[in-house]
Protein backbone atom coordinates (compact mmCIF):
# COMPACT_ATOMS: atom_id res chain seq x y z
CA MET A 1 0.00 0.00 0.00
CA ILE A 2 2.79 2.44 0.85
CA LYS A 3 4.37 1.97 -2.59
CA LYS A 4 1.29 3.46 -4.25
CA ASN A 5 2.26 6.82 -2.72
CA GLY A 6 5.55 6.76 -4.64
CA GLY A 7 8.86 8.35 -3.73
CA TYR A 8 12.25 7.13 -2.59
CA THR A 9 11.43 6.44 1.09
CA ASN A 10 8.15 4.69 0.30
CA THR A 11 9.92 2.55 -2.29
CA LYS A 12 12.58 1.55 0.25
CA VAL A 13 9.94 0.71 2.89
CA HIS A 14 8.01 -1.26 0.24
CA GLY A 15 11.11 -3.31 -0.56
CA ILE A 16 11.96 -3.97 3.08
CA LEU A 17 8.41 -5.04 4.00
CA GLY A 18 8.08 -7.15 0.86
CA SER A 19 11.39 -8.87 1.52
CA LEU A 20 10.45 -9.48 5.15
CA GLY A 21 7.14 -10.98 3.99
CA THR A 22 8.99 -13.26 1.56
CA ILE A 23 11.38 -14.41 4.30
CA LEU A 24 8.48 -15.16 6.65
CA ALA A 25 6.61 -17.02 3.91
CA LEU A 26 9.69 -19.14 3.15
CA ALA A 27 10.07 -19.89 6.87
CA GLY A 28 6.41 -20.93 7.02
CA GLY A 29 6.88 -23.12 3.94
CA TYR A 30 9.86 -24.79 5.62
CA VAL A 31 7.83 -25.51 8.77
CA ILE A 32 4.96 -26.97 6.73
CA TYR A 33 7.36 -29.07 4.65
CA THR A 34 9.16 -30.50 7.71
CA ASN A 35 5.87 -31.19 9.50
CA LYS A 36 4.66 -33.17 6.48
CA ILE A 37 7.88 -35.20 6.60
CA ILE A 38 7.40 -35.89 10.32
CA LEU A 39 3.78 -36.94 9.73
CA GLY A 40 4.70 -39.04 6.69
CA LYS A 41 2.38 -37.11 4.38
CA SER A 42 2.89 -36.34 0.70
CA HIS A 43 3.94 -32.87 -0.42
CA PHE A 44 2.22 -30.62 -2.94
CA THR A 45 -0.55 -33.05 -3.88
CA THR A 46 -3.56 -30.75 -3.42
CA PRO A 47 -4.44 -27.53 -5.25
CA HIS A 48 -3.81 -25.74 -1.93
CA GLY A 49 -0.27 -27.16 -1.68
CA LYS A 50 0.54 -26.50 -5.33
CA ALA A 51 -0.74 -22.91 -5.10
CA GLY A 52 1.29 -22.40 -1.91
CA LEU A 53 4.46 -23.66 -3.58
CA LEU A 54 3.84 -21.45 -6.61
CA CYS A 55 3.35 -18.47 -4.26
CA LEU A 56 6.62 -19.17 -2.47
CA VAL A 57 8.55 -19.45 -5.74
CA GLY A 58 6.76 -16.43 -7.23
CA SER A 59 7.34 -14.31 -4.13
CA LEU A 60 11.04 -15.15 -4.13
CA MET A 61 11.35 -14.36 -7.85
CA VAL A 62 9.52 -11.03 -7.51
CA ALA A 63 11.66 -10.05 -4.50
CA LEU A 64 14.93 -10.96 -6.23
CA ALA A 65 13.94 -9.20 -9.44
CA GLY A 66 12.93 -6.10 -7.49
CA GLY A 67 16.18 -6.06 -5.56
CA VAL A 68 18.42 -6.71 -8.54
CA PHE A 69 16.73 -4.67 -11.27
CA ILE A 70 14.65 -1.85 -9.77
CA HIS A 71 16.15 -1.14 -6.34
CA PRO A 72 16.26 2.69 -6.09
CA ASP A 73 19.93 2.76 -4.98
CA PHE A 74 21.69 0.03 -6.94
CA GLY A 75 19.17 -1.52 -9.32
CA VAL A 76 20.85 -2.35 -12.62
CA ASP A 77 17.86 -1.05 -14.60
CA LYS A 78 15.92 1.00 -12.06
CA THR A 79 14.26 3.31 -14.59
CA ASN A 80 12.98 0.56 -16.92
CA LYS A 81 9.19 0.89 -17.00
CA THR A 82 8.72 -2.57 -18.52
CA ILE A 83 10.51 -4.27 -15.63
CA ARG A 84 8.61 -2.13 -13.12
CA SER A 85 5.31 -3.07 -14.75
CA ALA A 86 6.20 -6.78 -14.85
CA HIS A 87 7.23 -6.61 -11.17
CA SER A 88 3.92 -4.96 -10.29
CA ILE A 89 1.76 -7.40 -12.28
CA ALA A 90 3.65 -10.47 -11.04
CA SER A 91 3.38 -9.24 -7.44
CA ARG A 92 -0.36 -8.79 -7.74
CA PHE A 93 -0.68 -12.28 -9.24
CA VAL A 94 1.33 -13.81 -6.36
CA ILE A 95 -0.75 -11.96 -3.74
CA GLY A 96 -4.03 -13.03 -5.36
CA LEU A 97 -2.86 -16.64 -5.67
CA GLY A 98 -1.73 -16.54 -2.04
CA TRP A 99 -5.17 -15.42 -0.95
CA MET A 100 -6.74 -18.26 -2.93
CA ALA A 101 -4.31 -20.78 -1.42
CA CYS A 102 -5.11 -19.56 2.09
CA PHE A 103 -8.83 -19.63 1.37
CA SER A 104 -8.70 -23.20 0.03
CA GLY A 105 -6.72 -24.31 3.09
CA LEU A 106 -9.19 -22.55 5.38
CA LYS A 107 -12.11 -24.31 3.71
CA THR A 108 -10.37 -27.64 4.30
CA ILE A 109 -9.75 -27.11 8.02
CA SER A 110 -12.98 -25.24 8.80
CA GLY A 111 -15.18 -28.07 7.56
CA GLU A 112 -17.15 -25.65 5.39
CA ASP A 113 -18.24 -23.61 8.45
CA LYS A 114 -19.99 -20.69 6.71
CA LYS A 115 -19.21 -18.17 9.47
CA VAL A 116 -15.49 -18.90 9.28
CA VAL A 117 -15.45 -18.91 5.47
CA PHE A 118 -17.33 -15.61 5.18
CA GLY A 119 -15.31 -14.12 8.06
CA TYR A 120 -12.23 -14.63 5.90
CA LEU A 121 -13.75 -13.98 2.49
CA ILE A 122 -15.43 -10.62 3.16
CA PRO A 123 -12.24 -8.75 4.25
CA ILE A 124 -10.35 -10.25 1.29
CA LEU A 125 -13.03 -9.05 -1.13
CA ALA A 126 -12.89 -5.60 0.47
CA LEU A 127 -9.11 -5.46 0.02
CA ILE A 128 -9.11 -6.40 -3.68
CA PRO A 129 -9.59 -2.82 -4.94
CA LEU A 130 -6.88 -1.51 -2.59
CA VAL A 131 -4.25 -4.21 -3.19
CA LEU A 132 -4.81 -5.91 -6.53
CA VAL A 133 -6.19 -3.09 -8.70
CA PRO A 134 -3.53 -0.67 -9.94
CA THR A 135 -4.04 3.06 -9.52
CA LYS A 136 -4.37 5.36 -12.54
CA LYS A 137 -0.79 6.51 -11.93
CA GLN A 138 0.44 2.88 -12.08
CA VAL A 139 -1.42 2.07 -15.31
CA LYS A 140 0.36 4.78 -17.33
C-alpha cells in the first residue's frame, strides 16, 4: 500500500516489507514441509499445496527481481518501465494466488463452516480494490 504513494522512502519501505514478507513465507513453507515429513504425508498433492508452492517461488522471484533490477539505490535497470510493470503485475498475481491458497486451506480445516469462510472472504473481497487493482498513476 505504501508503494502506491511513490517516492524514494516509500519505495525503500516497500522493498523492506516485501522482503520481510517473503522471508516469513519461506520460513512458514519450511515448517509446513518438515511437519509433512514428520507426519509421513505427501507434499504438494492438493491444489492448496501447489498454489502455496507457486506463491513461495513467485514471491522469491519477484523479491529478487525487485532487488536486482529496480532497487532505487543500486538496481541495474531502475528506470525501466517494462521491468517495473512486470514486477507490479507479477506481485499482484502472487498476492491473489496466495489469498486463494489460504482460502482453500481454510475451507479444508474449517469443515465448510460458513461463518469462518465468510469471516475470511469478506475482508479479502474488500481489500481487492486496494491491493490488486492498480491506480491510474500505475497504469500509465
